[in-house]
Amino acid sequence: MTYFINGAEVETDGDGYLLEPDYSNEAVEVIAAAEGISLTPDHWKIVEYMRNEYRENGHTPNFRNMLKGIQEFWEDADSKALYDLFPMGPAKQGAKIAGLPQPYGKGGY
């Protein structure tokens, strides 16, 4: 699978994750559209969070750590709210839409 981002063809792994991170907004929009996700401001909050975690740690958090981290800036965040945004799994699908490589194991650290 490949995406066309900023006029260039970008390679992915077999599951559609970018091989190298792309922090552009266009990457998010292209991948979200491919996933059938209509982006909202809450999606963008999670995208920024996932990108920051990747930059700081070299990988993204698993779901439990993701939920804990998100509750620091989104008080009402719970499992349901995150699954409403990313129905295929917030940690994995969130990382994919954020333009990041596939998370480790079952979704990060």
Protein backbone atom coordinates (compact mmCIF):
# COMPACT_ATOMS: atom_id res chain seq x y z
CA MET A 1 0.00 0.00 0.00
CA THR A 2 1.14 3.52 -0.68
CA TYR A 3 -0.19 6.98 0.02
CA PHE A 4 0.30 10.13 -2.01
CA ILE A 5 1.32 12.84 0.46
CA ASN A 6 2.49 16.30 -0.57
CA GLY A 7 2.70 15.08 -4.18
CA ALA A 8 5.01 12.16 -3.38
CA GLU A 9 4.35 8.45 -3.18
CA VAL A 10 5.05 7.25 0.37
CA GLU A 11 5.62 3.58 1.12
CA THR A 12 3.96 1.70 3.95
CA ASP A 13 4.28 -1.68 5.58
CA GLY A 14 1.76 -4.42 4.85
CA ASP A 15 -0.72 -2.96 7.35
CA GLY A 16 -0.67 0.56 5.92
CA TYR A 17 1.63 2.20 8.48
CA LEU A 18 4.26 4.61 7.21
CA LEU A 19 7.80 3.24 7.31
CA GLU A 20 9.12 6.65 8.39
CA PRO A 21 7.17 9.23 10.39
CA ASP A 22 5.55 12.09 8.49
CA TYR A 23 4.53 15.01 10.70
CA SER A 24 2.67 16.95 8.02
CA ASN A 25 -1.03 17.72 8.33
CA GLU A 26 -1.54 16.38 4.82
CA ALA A 27 -0.29 12.95 5.95
CA VAL A 28 -2.96 12.90 8.66
CA GLU A 29 -5.67 13.94 6.23
CA VAL A 30 -4.68 11.39 3.57
CA ILE A 31 -4.38 8.47 5.99
CA ALA A 32 -7.57 9.38 7.86
CA ALA A 33 -9.48 9.48 4.58
CA ALA A 34 -8.09 6.06 3.65
CA GLU A 35 -9.25 4.78 7.05
CA GLY A 36 -12.72 6.28 6.60
CA ILE A 37 -12.24 8.75 9.47
CA SER A 38 -13.65 12.29 9.30
CA LEU A 39 -11.27 14.37 11.39
CA THR A 40 -12.55 16.47 14.29
CA PRO A 41 -10.66 18.74 16.71
CA ASP A 42 -10.51 15.80 19.16
CA HIS A 43 -8.78 13.66 16.52
CA TRP A 44 -6.17 16.38 16.09
CA LYS A 45 -5.55 16.49 19.88
CA ILE A 46 -4.83 12.76 19.84
CA VAL A 47 -2.66 13.05 16.72
CA GLU A 48 -0.53 15.72 18.44
CA TYR A 49 -0.29 13.62 21.59
CA MET A 50 0.80 10.53 19.62
CA ARG A 51 3.38 12.51 17.65
CA ASN A 52 4.81 14.05 20.81
CA GLU A 53 5.06 10.64 22.47
CA TYR A 54 6.83 9.25 19.41
CA ARG A 55 9.27 12.17 19.30
CA GLU A 56 10.06 11.88 23.02
CA ASN A 57 10.18 8.09 23.35
CA GLY A 58 10.84 6.73 19.86
CA HIS A 59 7.54 4.81 19.94
CA THR A 60 3.92 5.31 20.88
CA PRO A 61 2.17 4.21 24.09
CA ASN A 62 -0.04 1.19 24.49
CA PHE A 63 -3.72 1.85 25.11
CA ARG A 64 -3.52 1.95 28.92
CA ASN A 65 -0.67 4.48 28.92
CA MET A 66 -2.30 6.41 26.10
CA LEU A 67 -5.52 6.79 28.09
CA LYS A 68 -3.59 7.88 31.17
CA GLY A 69 -1.56 10.43 29.18
CA ILE A 70 -4.58 11.86 27.39
CA GLN A 71 -6.46 12.36 30.65
CA GLU A 72 -3.82 14.96 31.57
CA PHE A 73 -5.25 17.35 28.95
CA TRP A 74 -8.71 15.89 28.22
CA GLU A 75 -10.51 15.29 31.52
CA ASP A 76 -13.53 13.52 30.01
CA ALA A 77 -11.40 11.06 28.05
CA ASP A 78 -12.33 7.45 28.59
CA SER A 79 -12.13 4.23 26.59
CA LYS A 80 -15.43 4.87 24.84
CA ALA A 81 -14.44 8.38 23.74
CA LEU A 82 -11.19 7.08 22.25
CA TYR A 83 -12.88 4.16 20.49
CA ASP A 84 -15.46 6.58 19.10
CA LEU A 85 -12.57 8.46 17.48
CA PHE A 86 -10.53 5.42 16.42
CA PRO A 87 -12.85 2.40 16.18
CA MET A 88 -10.13 0.01 15.00
CA GLY A 89 -8.15 0.62 18.21
CA PRO A 90 -7.03 4.01 19.54
CA ALA A 91 -3.36 3.12 20.09
CA LYS A 92 -2.82 1.45 16.72
CA GLN A 93 -5.19 3.39 14.48
CA GLY A 94 -4.26 6.63 16.24
CA ALA A 95 -0.57 6.03 15.47
CA LYS A 96 -1.36 5.16 11.85
CA ILE A 97 -3.43 8.30 11.30
CA ALA A 98 -0.78 10.41 13.06
CA GLY A 99 1.62 9.36 10.28
CA LEU A 100 3.79 7.19 12.51
CA PRO A 101 5.33 3.74 12.00
CA GLN A 102 3.48 0.70 13.36
CA PRO A 103 3.61 0.50 17.19
CA TYR A 104 5.52 -2.23 18.97
CA GLY A 105 3.77 -5.45 19.98
CA LYS A 106 0.25 -4.76 21.14
CA GLY A 107 0.41 -0.99 20.81
CA GLY A 108 3.59 0.52 22.27
CA TYR A 109 5.23 0.65 25.65
